[in-house]
Amino acid sequence: MKIGDDTFDDIYVSKETGKVVGVMLNGRDYKLVPFRECDNPMAYKMAKKKTREILSSLFNEIYSPNMNELADRIVDCVYRKEDEK
């Protein structure tokens, strides 16, 4: 099945489902596994929103005007976002 430089050597298709279940590239076999929704990393904006919610629920007795800023800094640290220079 090699047509160009960027194609697979062979493609394995399931007889039962007719779907691709694996490929061969450069003499090595690779099994394809389904992508689960829970494996998807959380988007940056959603992470900020969830972090703000968690901090506000944990520290609902203590109101701090800097709570959102703290949440944003935590998410920026995790996502390795830096201030533009």
C-alpha atoms as a PDB file:
ATOM      1  CA  MET A   1       0.000   0.000   0.000  1.00  0.00           C
ATOM      2  CA  LYS A   2       3.004   2.279  -0.177  1.00  0.00           C
ATOM      3  CA  ILE A   3       2.095   5.069  -2.591  1.00  0.00           C
ATOM      4  CA  GLY A   4       4.136   7.999  -1.308  1.00  0.00           C
ATOM      5  CA  ASP A   5       6.707   8.772   1.332  1.00  0.00           C
ATOM      6  CA  ASP A   6       4.130   9.536   4.037  1.00  0.00           C
ATOM      7  CA  THR A   7       1.878   6.473   3.740  1.00  0.00           C
ATOM      8  CA  PHE A   8       1.669   3.255   5.726  1.00  0.00           C
ATOM      9  CA  ASP A   9       3.279   0.009   4.596  1.00  0.00           C
ATOM     10  CA  ASP A  10       0.083  -1.893   5.392  1.00  0.00           C
ATOM     11  CA  ILE A  11      -3.328  -1.198   6.911  1.00  0.00           C
ATOM     12  CA  TYR A  12      -5.188  -3.762   9.029  1.00  0.00           C
ATOM     13  CA  VAL A  13      -8.985  -3.761   8.771  1.00  0.00           C
ATOM     14  CA  SER A  14     -11.323  -5.685  11.072  1.00  0.00           C
ATOM     15  CA  LYS A  15     -13.391  -8.340   9.295  1.00  0.00           C
ATOM     16  CA  GLU A  16     -16.208  -7.840  11.816  1.00  0.00           C
ATOM     17  CA  THR A  17     -16.546  -4.061  11.792  1.00  0.00           C
ATOM     18  CA  GLY A  18     -14.754  -3.023   8.619  1.00  0.00           C
ATOM     19  CA  LYS A  19     -12.842  -0.376  10.579  1.00  0.00           C
ATOM     20  CA  VAL A  20      -9.095   0.188  10.581  1.00  0.00           C
ATOM     21  CA  VAL A  21      -7.611  -1.474  13.687  1.00  0.00           C
ATOM     22  CA  GLY A  22      -3.898  -1.137  13.005  1.00  0.00           C
ATOM     23  CA  VAL A  23      -1.181  -0.070  10.617  1.00  0.00           C
ATOM     24  CA  MET A  24       2.360  -1.030   9.682  1.00  0.00           C
ATOM     25  CA  LEU A  25       4.957   1.689   9.200  1.00  0.00           C
ATOM     26  CA  ASN A  26       8.635   1.064   8.516  1.00  0.00           C
ATOM     27  CA  GLY A  27       8.216  -2.611   9.389  1.00  0.00           C
ATOM     28  CA  ARG A  28       6.615  -1.955  12.799  1.00  0.00           C
ATOM     29  CA  ASP A  29       3.011  -2.761  13.701  1.00  0.00           C
ATOM     30  CA  TYR A  30       0.880  -0.170  15.484  1.00  0.00           C
ATOM     31  CA  LYS A  31      -2.469  -0.975  17.058  1.00  0.00           C
ATOM     32  CA  LEU A  32      -5.009   1.841  16.933  1.00  0.00           C
ATOM     33  CA  VAL A  33      -6.900   2.397  20.165  1.00  0.00           C
ATOM     34  CA  PRO A  34     -10.101   4.432  20.538  1.00  0.00           C
ATOM     35  CA  PHE A  35      -9.761   7.921  21.933  1.00  0.00           C
ATOM     36  CA  ARG A  36     -11.759   8.384  25.119  1.00  0.00           C
ATOM     37  CA  GLU A  37     -13.324  11.747  25.969  1.00  0.00           C
ATOM     38  CA  CYS A  38     -11.835  11.616  29.480  1.00  0.00           C
ATOM     39  CA  ASP A  39      -8.327  11.462  27.948  1.00  0.00           C
ATOM     40  CA  ASN A  40      -8.819  14.818  26.276  1.00  0.00           C
ATOM     41  CA  PRO A  41      -6.851  17.535  28.076  1.00  0.00           C
ATOM     42  CA  MET A  42      -9.016  20.314  29.424  1.00  0.00           C
ATOM     43  CA  ALA A  43      -9.010  23.465  27.344  1.00  0.00           C
ATOM     44  CA  TYR A  44      -7.214  26.472  28.817  1.00  0.00           C
ATOM     45  CA  LYS A  45     -10.330  28.637  29.254  1.00  0.00           C
ATOM     46  CA  MET A  46     -12.300  25.748  30.777  1.00  0.00           C
ATOM     47  CA  ALA A  47      -9.431  25.055  33.188  1.00  0.00           C
ATOM     48  CA  LYS A  48      -9.507  28.694  34.345  1.00  0.00           C
ATOM     49  CA  LYS A  49     -13.264  28.549  34.872  1.00  0.00           C
ATOM     50  CA  LYS A  50     -13.106  25.268  36.828  1.00  0.00           C
ATOM     51  CA  THR A  51     -10.190  26.476  38.967  1.00  0.00           C
ATOM     52  CA  ARG A  52     -12.090  29.654  39.869  1.00  0.00           C
ATOM     53  CA  GLU A  53     -15.141  27.554  40.808  1.00  0.00           C
ATOM     54  CA  ILE A  54     -13.104  25.180  42.961  1.00  0.00           C
ATOM     55  CA  LEU A  55     -11.262  27.943  44.795  1.00  0.00           C
ATOM     56  CA  SER A  56     -14.449  29.900  45.420  1.00  0.00           C
ATOM     57  CA  SER A  57     -16.220  26.801  46.763  1.00  0.00           C
ATOM     58  CA  LEU A  58     -13.289  25.858  49.003  1.00  0.00           C
ATOM     59  CA  PHE A  59     -12.782  29.317  50.396  1.00  0.00           C
ATOM     60  CA  ASN A  60     -16.354  30.594  50.344  1.00  0.00           C
ATOM     61  CA  GLU A  61     -15.997  31.822  53.926  1.00  0.00           C
ATOM     62  CA  ILE A  62     -13.038  33.994  53.021  1.00  0.00           C
ATOM     63  CA  TYR A  63     -13.668  36.460  50.231  1.00  0.00           C
ATOM     64  CA  SER A  64     -10.601  37.725  48.555  1.00  0.00           C
ATOM     65  CA  PRO A  65     -10.691  40.074  45.579  1.00  0.00           C
ATOM     66  CA  ASN A  66      -7.535  38.332  44.361  1.00  0.00           C
ATOM     67  CA  MET A  67      -9.138  34.863  44.262  1.00  0.00           C
ATOM     68  CA  ASN A  68      -9.701  34.995  40.483  1.00  0.00           C
ATOM     69  CA  GLU A  69      -6.168  36.263  39.970  1.00  0.00           C
ATOM     70  CA  LEU A  70      -4.835  33.387  42.072  1.00  0.00           C
ATOM     71  CA  ALA A  71      -6.860  30.876  40.025  1.00  0.00           C
ATOM     72  CA  ASP A  72      -5.555  32.389  36.794  1.00  0.00           C
ATOM     73  CA  ARG A  73      -1.958  32.218  38.011  1.00  0.00           C
ATOM     74  CA  ILE A  74      -2.356  28.551  38.991  1.00  0.00           C
ATOM     75  CA  VAL A  75      -3.737  27.645  35.554  1.00  0.00           C
ATOM     76  CA  ASP A  76      -1.051  29.716  33.801  1.00  0.00           C
ATOM     77  CA  CYS A  77       1.590  27.806  35.749  1.00  0.00           C
ATOM     78  CA  VAL A  78       0.087  24.443  34.787  1.00  0.00           C
ATOM     79  CA  TYR A  79      -0.284  25.418  31.121  1.00  0.00           C
ATOM     80  CA  ARG A  80       3.121  27.162  31.175  1.00  0.00           C
ATOM     81  CA  LYS A  81       1.686  30.424  29.901  1.00  0.00           C
ATOM     82  CA  GLU A  82       3.891  33.433  30.420  1.00  0.00           C
ATOM     83  CA  ASP A  83       3.267  37.123  30.185  1.00  0.00           C
ATOM     84  CA  GLU A  84       4.048  38.473  26.756  1.00  0.00           C
ATOM     85  CA  LYS A  85       7.187  40.533  26.735  1.00  0.00           C
END
